[in-house]
């Protein structure tokens, strides 16, 4: 039941985006690390431009730490 409610919440939140979100990616992906070694990482990404997203943020950028 818990998983069903979480999936329903994700669906509702995606529909509230007002058409600006074209896709939702699920799975750990990371941005490239900056000069200080910081990077963004998440398991759920709401994105507009799929091609630009895949070039900048992907699984290969995730560090092992």
C-alpha atoms as a PDB file:
ATOM      1  CA  UNK A   1       0.000   0.000   0.000  1.00  0.00           C
ATOM      2  CA  UNK A   2       2.884   2.329   0.796  1.00  0.00           C
ATOM      3  CA  UNK A   3       4.402   1.879  -2.666  1.00  0.00           C
ATOM      4  CA  UNK A   4       1.060   2.476  -4.336  1.00  0.00           C
ATOM      5  CA  UNK A   5       0.548   5.741  -2.466  1.00  0.00           C
ATOM      6  CA  UNK A   6       4.067   6.942  -3.353  1.00  0.00           C
ATOM      7  CA  UNK A   7       3.532   6.165  -7.035  1.00  0.00           C
ATOM      8  CA  UNK A   8       0.177   7.954  -6.972  1.00  0.00           C
ATOM      9  CA  UNK A   9       1.788  10.996  -5.386  1.00  0.00           C
ATOM     10  CA  UNK A  10       4.475  11.062  -8.075  1.00  0.00           C
ATOM     11  CA  UNK A  11       1.823  10.905 -10.780  1.00  0.00           C
ATOM     12  CA  UNK A  12      -0.125  13.775  -9.194  1.00  0.00           C
ATOM     13  CA  UNK A  13       3.007  15.909  -8.826  1.00  0.00           C
ATOM     14  CA  UNK A  14       3.979  15.298 -12.431  1.00  0.00           C
ATOM     15  CA  UNK A  15       0.520  16.332 -13.629  1.00  0.00           C
ATOM     16  CA  UNK A  16       0.709  19.546 -11.581  1.00  0.00           C
ATOM     17  CA  UNK A  17       3.669  20.762 -13.616  1.00  0.00           C
ATOM     18  CA  UNK A  18       1.367  22.425 -16.152  1.00  0.00           C
ATOM     19  CA  UNK A  19       2.803  20.964 -19.331  1.00  0.00           C
ATOM     20  CA  UNK A  20       6.331  22.295 -18.828  1.00  0.00           C
ATOM     21  CA  UNK A  21       7.622  18.862 -17.862  1.00  0.00           C
ATOM     22  CA  UNK A  22       7.958  16.521 -20.809  1.00  0.00           C
ATOM     23  CA  UNK A  23       9.396  13.494 -19.061  1.00  0.00           C
ATOM     24  CA  UNK A  24      10.168  11.911 -15.728  1.00  0.00           C
ATOM     25  CA  UNK A  25      13.334   9.835 -15.337  1.00  0.00           C
ATOM     26  CA  UNK A  26      13.655   7.372 -12.464  1.00  0.00           C
ATOM     27  CA  UNK A  27      16.975   5.955 -11.321  1.00  0.00           C
ATOM     28  CA  UNK A  28      20.128   7.392  -9.809  1.00  0.00           C
ATOM     29  CA  UNK A  29      21.758   9.985 -12.044  1.00  0.00           C
ATOM     30  CA  UNK A  30      24.340  12.631 -11.226  1.00  0.00           C
ATOM     31  CA  UNK A  31      25.651  15.864 -12.711  1.00  0.00           C
ATOM     32  CA  UNK A  32      29.354  16.410 -13.316  1.00  0.00           C
ATOM     33  CA  UNK A  33      31.327  17.492 -10.263  1.00  0.00           C
ATOM     34  CA  UNK A  34      32.322  21.160 -10.096  1.00  0.00           C
ATOM     35  CA  UNK A  35      35.751  22.525  -9.067  1.00  0.00           C
ATOM     36  CA  UNK A  36      34.978  21.859  -5.381  1.00  0.00           C
ATOM     37  CA  UNK A  37      33.897  18.273  -6.035  1.00  0.00           C
ATOM     38  CA  UNK A  38      30.176  18.887  -5.451  1.00  0.00           C
ATOM     39  CA  UNK A  39      27.554  17.296  -7.677  1.00  0.00           C
ATOM     40  CA  UNK A  40      23.779  16.944  -7.837  1.00  0.00           C
ATOM     41  CA  UNK A  41      22.307  13.478  -7.562  1.00  0.00           C
ATOM     42  CA  UNK A  42      18.770  12.185  -7.361  1.00  0.00           C
ATOM     43  CA  UNK A  43      16.658   9.130  -8.061  1.00  0.00           C
ATOM     44  CA  UNK A  44      13.725  11.071  -9.600  1.00  0.00           C
ATOM     45  CA  UNK A  45      14.220  13.765 -12.245  1.00  0.00           C
ATOM     46  CA  UNK A  46      11.465  15.877 -13.832  1.00  0.00           C
ATOM     47  CA  UNK A  47      12.890  17.228 -17.083  1.00  0.00           C
ATOM     48  CA  UNK A  48      11.974  19.296 -20.132  1.00  0.00           C
ATOM     49  CA  UNK A  49      14.633  18.569 -22.756  1.00  0.00           C
ATOM     50  CA  UNK A  50      15.509  14.875 -22.781  1.00  0.00           C
ATOM     51  CA  UNK A  51      18.521  15.083 -25.138  1.00  0.00           C
ATOM     52  CA  UNK A  52      20.218  17.903 -23.228  1.00  0.00           C
ATOM     53  CA  UNK A  53      19.491  16.161 -19.922  1.00  0.00           C
ATOM     54  CA  UNK A  54      21.061  12.865 -20.986  1.00  0.00           C
ATOM     55  CA  UNK A  55      24.222  14.675 -22.117  1.00  0.00           C
ATOM     56  CA  UNK A  56      24.654  16.595 -18.821  1.00  0.00           C
ATOM     57  CA  UNK A  57      23.240  14.244 -16.194  1.00  0.00           C
ATOM     58  CA  UNK A  58      23.776  10.497 -16.373  1.00  0.00           C
ATOM     59  CA  UNK A  59      24.802   7.406 -14.397  1.00  0.00           C
ATOM     60  CA  UNK A  60      28.441   7.600 -15.517  1.00  0.00           C
ATOM     61  CA  UNK A  61      28.917  10.874 -13.588  1.00  0.00           C
ATOM     62  CA  UNK A  62      28.031   9.292 -10.223  1.00  0.00           C
ATOM     63  CA  UNK A  63      31.032   8.827  -7.961  1.00  0.00           C
ATOM     64  CA  UNK A  64      31.435   5.622  -5.987  1.00  0.00           C
ATOM     65  CA  UNK A  65      31.611   7.370  -2.609  1.00  0.00           C
END
